[in-house]
């Protein structure tokens, strides 16, 4: 779920910011292409679960409004928020892991908390992504935070979350 939220926020950020101004100062061309590929993958997934006629922002809101209650009903099972495993593996195998490692912390498992059983369980997946808190995405947010109060609040939220991070979600 975190990755979907990061993708949504990154989409909003890239829509609102002059790309040549900040994005190109932080990310290489190859990193931007990789991020675009991930965003396009999740955009397609969200459109498939909401409505193709919506703008992408409305599609994400519709998707989250429709699927978040399912997560609560199923004791925190986040599977409705995540694309099929096979599709993710195909995408992730097509990405340059060296490019991604400066943006994401990439692992092969996650510790997920099940609210029904009140236990943490280790789930092995081919890949899990969370933000690399010493990486370029945080650097990017820091630069944006100096220009806009919205990004300053988001930057503070993301960096504060990193201090309490105990569970990773896709």
C-alpha atoms as a PDB file:
ATOM      1  CA  UNK A   1       0.000   0.000   0.000  1.00  0.00           C
ATOM      2  CA  UNK A   2       2.869   2.355   0.761  1.00  0.00           C
ATOM      3  CA  UNK A   3       4.150   2.061  -2.782  1.00  0.00           C
ATOM      4  CA  UNK A   4       0.731   2.975  -4.181  1.00  0.00           C
ATOM      5  CA  UNK A   5       0.615   6.043  -1.949  1.00  0.00           C
ATOM      6  CA  UNK A   6       4.173   7.010  -2.909  1.00  0.00           C
ATOM      7  CA  UNK A   7       3.318   6.532  -6.582  1.00  0.00           C
ATOM      8  CA  UNK A   8       0.218   8.707  -6.164  1.00  0.00           C
ATOM      9  CA  UNK A   9       2.147  11.440  -4.389  1.00  0.00           C
ATOM     10  CA  UNK A  10       5.007  11.195  -6.895  1.00  0.00           C
ATOM     11  CA  UNK A  11       2.454  11.507  -9.724  1.00  0.00           C
ATOM     12  CA  UNK A  12       0.978  14.612  -8.100  1.00  0.00           C
ATOM     13  CA  UNK A  13       4.431  16.061  -7.510  1.00  0.00           C
ATOM     14  CA  UNK A  14       5.585  15.457 -11.070  1.00  0.00           C
ATOM     15  CA  UNK A  15       2.369  16.988 -12.380  1.00  0.00           C
ATOM     16  CA  UNK A  16       2.789  20.115 -10.280  1.00  0.00           C
ATOM     17  CA  UNK A  17       6.504  20.728 -10.652  1.00  0.00           C
ATOM     18  CA  UNK A  18       8.468  21.868 -13.662  1.00  0.00           C
ATOM     19  CA  UNK A  19      10.377  18.654 -14.476  1.00  0.00           C
ATOM     20  CA  UNK A  20      13.470  20.424 -15.785  1.00  0.00           C
ATOM     21  CA  UNK A  21      13.648  22.487 -12.624  1.00  0.00           C
ATOM     22  CA  UNK A  22      13.791  19.989  -9.747  1.00  0.00           C
ATOM     23  CA  UNK A  23      13.365  16.442 -11.009  1.00  0.00           C
ATOM     24  CA  UNK A  24      16.274  16.606 -13.439  1.00  0.00           C
ATOM     25  CA  UNK A  25      18.510  18.103 -10.752  1.00  0.00           C
ATOM     26  CA  UNK A  26      17.951  15.094  -8.487  1.00  0.00           C
ATOM     27  CA  UNK A  27      17.262  12.100 -10.727  1.00  0.00           C
ATOM     28  CA  UNK A  28      19.157  10.834 -13.747  1.00  0.00           C
ATOM     29  CA  UNK A  29      17.344  10.309 -17.031  1.00  0.00           C
ATOM     30  CA  UNK A  30      17.435   6.533 -16.486  1.00  0.00           C
ATOM     31  CA  UNK A  31      15.942   6.913 -12.990  1.00  0.00           C
ATOM     32  CA  UNK A  32      13.134   9.098 -14.341  1.00  0.00           C
ATOM     33  CA  UNK A  33      12.376   6.497 -17.036  1.00  0.00           C
ATOM     34  CA  UNK A  34      12.303   3.759 -14.402  1.00  0.00           C
ATOM     35  CA  UNK A  35       9.993   5.788 -12.148  1.00  0.00           C
ATOM     36  CA  UNK A  36       7.728   6.521 -15.130  1.00  0.00           C
ATOM     37  CA  UNK A  37       7.548   2.796 -15.878  1.00  0.00           C
ATOM     38  CA  UNK A  38       6.460   2.040 -12.301  1.00  0.00           C
ATOM     39  CA  UNK A  39       3.935   4.890 -12.309  1.00  0.00           C
ATOM     40  CA  UNK A  40       2.463   3.692 -15.619  1.00  0.00           C
ATOM     41  CA  UNK A  41       2.168   0.148 -14.243  1.00  0.00           C
ATOM     42  CA  UNK A  42       0.269   1.288 -11.151  1.00  0.00           C
ATOM     43  CA  UNK A  43      -1.814   3.775 -13.142  1.00  0.00           C
ATOM     44  CA  UNK A  44      -2.951   0.892 -15.374  1.00  0.00           C
ATOM     45  CA  UNK A  45      -3.773  -1.229 -12.319  1.00  0.00           C
ATOM     46  CA  UNK A  46      -5.747   1.585 -10.683  1.00  0.00           C
ATOM     47  CA  UNK A  47      -7.629   2.329 -13.908  1.00  0.00           C
ATOM     48  CA  UNK A  48      -8.514  -1.359 -14.216  1.00  0.00           C
ATOM     49  CA  UNK A  49     -10.036  -1.275 -10.719  1.00  0.00           C
ATOM     50  CA  UNK A  50     -11.806   2.085 -10.972  1.00  0.00           C
ATOM     51  CA  UNK A  51     -12.952   3.698 -14.183  1.00  0.00           C
ATOM     52  CA  UNK A  52     -10.985   4.385 -17.348  1.00  0.00           C
ATOM     53  CA  UNK A  53     -13.001   7.562 -17.962  1.00  0.00           C
ATOM     54  CA  UNK A  54     -11.721   9.268 -14.817  1.00  0.00           C
ATOM     55  CA  UNK A  55      -8.661  11.475 -14.692  1.00  0.00           C
ATOM     56  CA  UNK A  56      -5.807   9.614 -13.032  1.00  0.00           C
ATOM     57  CA  UNK A  57      -6.174  11.577  -9.778  1.00  0.00           C
ATOM     58  CA  UNK A  58      -9.893  10.758  -9.580  1.00  0.00           C
ATOM     59  CA  UNK A  59      -9.153   7.136 -10.495  1.00  0.00           C
ATOM     60  CA  UNK A  60      -6.727   6.809  -7.542  1.00  0.00           C
ATOM     61  CA  UNK A  61      -9.229   8.372  -5.127  1.00  0.00           C
ATOM     62  CA  UNK A  62     -12.007   6.098  -6.414  1.00  0.00           C
ATOM     63  CA  UNK A  63      -9.729   3.072  -6.163  1.00  0.00           C
ATOM     64  CA  UNK A  64      -8.687   3.860  -2.581  1.00  0.00           C
ATOM     65  CA  UNK A  65     -12.260   4.679  -1.500  1.00  0.00           C
ATOM     66  CA  UNK A  66     -13.415   1.353  -2.925  1.00  0.00           C
ATOM     67  CA  UNK A  67     -10.597  -0.898  -1.703  1.00  0.00           C
ATOM     68  CA  UNK A  68      -9.579   0.526   1.693  1.00  0.00           C
ATOM     69  CA  UNK A  69     -12.828  -0.635   3.348  1.00  0.00           C
ATOM     70  CA  UNK A  70     -12.082  -4.162   2.035  1.00  0.00           C
ATOM     71  CA  UNK A  71      -8.726  -4.063   3.817  1.00  0.00           C
ATOM     72  CA  UNK A  72     -10.445  -3.151   7.094  1.00  0.00           C
ATOM     73  CA  UNK A  73     -13.118  -5.831   6.633  1.00  0.00           C
ATOM     74  CA  UNK A  74     -10.469  -8.490   6.032  1.00  0.00           C
ATOM     75  CA  UNK A  75      -8.354  -7.771   9.103  1.00  0.00           C
ATOM     76  CA  UNK A  76      -5.746  -5.705   7.330  1.00  0.00           C
ATOM     77  CA  UNK A  77      -5.289  -7.962   4.307  1.00  0.00           C
ATOM     78  CA  UNK A  78      -3.833  -5.536   1.750  1.00  0.00           C
ATOM     79  CA  UNK A  79      -4.211  -7.819  -1.274  1.00  0.00           C
ATOM     80  CA  UNK A  80      -7.044  -5.739  -2.828  1.00  0.00           C
ATOM     81  CA  UNK A  81      -4.592  -2.818  -3.003  1.00  0.00           C
ATOM     82  CA  UNK A  82      -1.868  -4.734  -4.787  1.00  0.00           C
ATOM     83  CA  UNK A  83      -1.624  -5.892  -8.399  1.00  0.00           C
ATOM     84  CA  UNK A  84      -1.370  -9.619  -9.092  1.00  0.00           C
ATOM     85  CA  UNK A  85       1.928 -11.138  -8.046  1.00  0.00           C
ATOM     86  CA  UNK A  86       2.729 -12.426 -11.544  1.00  0.00           C
ATOM     87  CA  UNK A  87       2.292  -8.962 -13.063  1.00  0.00           C
ATOM     88  CA  UNK A  88       4.483  -7.372 -10.392  1.00  0.00           C
ATOM     89  CA  UNK A  89       7.232  -9.936 -10.921  1.00  0.00           C
ATOM     90  CA  UNK A  90       7.219  -9.231 -14.652  1.00  0.00           C
ATOM     91  CA  UNK A  91       7.458  -5.491 -14.004  1.00  0.00           C
ATOM     92  CA  UNK A  92      10.136  -5.743 -11.311  1.00  0.00           C
ATOM     93  CA  UNK A  93      12.253  -8.132 -13.379  1.00  0.00           C
ATOM     94  CA  UNK A  94      12.199  -5.573 -16.202  1.00  0.00           C
ATOM     95  CA  UNK A  95      13.537  -2.777 -13.989  1.00  0.00           C
ATOM     96  CA  UNK A  96      17.178  -1.923 -13.376  1.00  0.00           C
ATOM     97  CA  UNK A  97      17.740  -2.782  -9.721  1.00  0.00           C
ATOM     98  CA  UNK A  98      20.813  -0.532  -9.481  1.00  0.00           C
ATOM     99  CA  UNK A  99      18.719   2.436 -10.588  1.00  0.00           C
ATOM    100  CA  UNK A 100      15.994   1.594  -8.083  1.00  0.00           C
ATOM    101  CA  UNK A 101      18.253   1.051  -5.092  1.00  0.00           C
ATOM    102  CA  UNK A 102      19.001   4.752  -4.729  1.00  0.00           C
ATOM    103  CA  UNK A 103      15.281   5.486  -4.507  1.00  0.00           C
ATOM    104  CA  UNK A 104      13.877   2.351  -2.845  1.00  0.00           C
ATOM    105  CA  UNK A 105      14.944  -0.108  -0.189  1.00  0.00           C
ATOM    106  CA  UNK A 106      14.388  -3.423  -2.011  1.00  0.00           C
ATOM    107  CA  UNK A 107      13.916  -6.656  -0.041  1.00  0.00           C
ATOM    108  CA  UNK A 108      12.626 -10.166  -0.601  1.00  0.00           C
ATOM    109  CA  UNK A 109      10.181 -10.262   2.324  1.00  0.00           C
ATOM    110  CA  UNK A 110       7.954  -8.097   4.474  1.00  0.00           C
ATOM    111  CA  UNK A 111       6.851  -8.222   8.082  1.00  0.00           C
ATOM    112  CA  UNK A 112       3.113  -7.747   7.995  1.00  0.00           C
ATOM    113  CA  UNK A 113       0.887  -7.218  10.991  1.00  0.00           C
ATOM    114  CA  UNK A 114      -2.380  -9.116  10.883  1.00  0.00           C
ATOM    115  CA  UNK A 115      -4.989  -7.258  12.893  1.00  0.00           C
ATOM    116  CA  UNK A 116      -7.175 -10.359  13.263  1.00  0.00           C
ATOM    117  CA  UNK A 117      -4.473 -12.562  14.788  1.00  0.00           C
ATOM    118  CA  UNK A 118      -2.562  -9.615  16.278  1.00  0.00           C
ATOM    119  CA  UNK A 119       0.695 -11.153  15.125  1.00  0.00           C
ATOM    120  CA  UNK A 120       3.486 -10.190  12.781  1.00  0.00           C
ATOM    121  CA  UNK A 121       4.102 -12.623   9.988  1.00  0.00           C
ATOM    122  CA  UNK A 122       6.982 -12.728   7.536  1.00  0.00           C
ATOM    123  CA  UNK A 123       5.789 -12.928   3.956  1.00  0.00           C
ATOM    124  CA  UNK A 124       8.319 -13.857   1.307  1.00  0.00           C
ATOM    125  CA  UNK A 125       7.812 -12.209  -2.023  1.00  0.00           C
ATOM    126  CA  UNK A 126      10.140 -11.768  -4.926  1.00  0.00           C
ATOM    127  CA  UNK A 127      10.420  -8.047  -4.152  1.00  0.00           C
ATOM    128  CA  UNK A 128       9.209  -5.503  -1.634  1.00  0.00           C
ATOM    129  CA  UNK A 129       9.856  -1.808  -1.977  1.00  0.00           C
ATOM    130  CA  UNK A 130       9.886   0.919   0.601  1.00  0.00           C
ATOM    131  CA  UNK A 131      11.439   4.328   0.394  1.00  0.00           C
ATOM    132  CA  UNK A 132      15.208   4.506   0.828  1.00  0.00           C
ATOM    133  CA  UNK A 133      15.286   7.200   3.504  1.00  0.00           C
ATOM    134  CA  UNK A 134      18.873   8.075   2.604  1.00  0.00           C
ATOM    135  CA  UNK A 135      18.113   8.088  -1.123  1.00  0.00           C
ATOM    136  CA  UNK A 136      17.173  10.454  -3.895  1.00  0.00           C
ATOM    137  CA  UNK A 137      13.407  10.531  -3.300  1.00  0.00           C
ATOM    138  CA  UNK A 138      13.972  12.059   0.126  1.00  0.00           C
ATOM    139  CA  UNK A 139      16.487  14.489  -1.393  1.00  0.00           C
ATOM    140  CA  UNK A 140      13.866  15.385  -4.009  1.00  0.00           C
ATOM    141  CA  UNK A 141      11.201  15.997  -1.343  1.00  0.00           C
ATOM    142  CA  UNK A 142      13.629  18.076   0.701  1.00  0.00           C
ATOM    143  CA  UNK A 143      14.283  20.375  -2.274  1.00  0.00           C
ATOM    144  CA  UNK A 144      10.563  20.688  -2.966  1.00  0.00           C
ATOM    145  CA  UNK A 145       9.825  21.342   0.713  1.00  0.00           C
ATOM    146  CA  UNK A 146      11.878  24.515   0.542  1.00  0.00           C
ATOM    147  CA  UNK A 147       9.591  25.866  -2.197  1.00  0.00           C
ATOM    148  CA  UNK A 148       6.111  24.882  -1.043  1.00  0.00           C
ATOM    149  CA  UNK A 149       4.403  24.393   2.362  1.00  0.00           C
ATOM    150  CA  UNK A 150       2.479  21.326   1.113  1.00  0.00           C
ATOM    151  CA  UNK A 151       5.717  19.561   0.214  1.00  0.00           C
ATOM    152  CA  UNK A 152       7.294  20.710   3.471  1.00  0.00           C
ATOM    153  CA  UNK A 153       4.494  19.009   5.423  1.00  0.00           C
ATOM    154  CA  UNK A 154       4.713  15.884   3.268  1.00  0.00           C
ATOM    155  CA  UNK A 155       8.514  15.777   3.639  1.00  0.00           C
ATOM    156  CA  UNK A 156       8.150  16.054   7.429  1.00  0.00           C
ATOM    157  CA  UNK A 157       5.515  13.304   7.455  1.00  0.00           C
ATOM    158  CA  UNK A 158       7.616  10.935   5.350  1.00  0.00           C
ATOM    159  CA  UNK A 159      10.818  11.528   7.295  1.00  0.00           C
ATOM    160  CA  UNK A 160       9.001  11.200  10.637  1.00  0.00           C
ATOM    161  CA  UNK A 161       7.466   7.921   9.505  1.00  0.00           C
ATOM    162  CA  UNK A 162      10.950   6.614   8.777  1.00  0.00           C
ATOM    163  CA  UNK A 163      11.770   6.849  12.488  1.00  0.00           C
ATOM    164  CA  UNK A 164       8.836   4.579  13.375  1.00  0.00           C
ATOM    165  CA  UNK A 165       9.071   2.223  10.409  1.00  0.00           C
ATOM    166  CA  UNK A 166       8.592  -1.352  11.603  1.00  0.00           C
ATOM    167  CA  UNK A 167       6.507  -2.812   8.809  1.00  0.00           C
ATOM    168  CA  UNK A 168       6.941  -2.597   5.075  1.00  0.00           C
ATOM    169  CA  UNK A 169       4.153  -2.862   2.568  1.00  0.00           C
ATOM    170  CA  UNK A 170       4.340  -3.011  -1.201  1.00  0.00           C
END
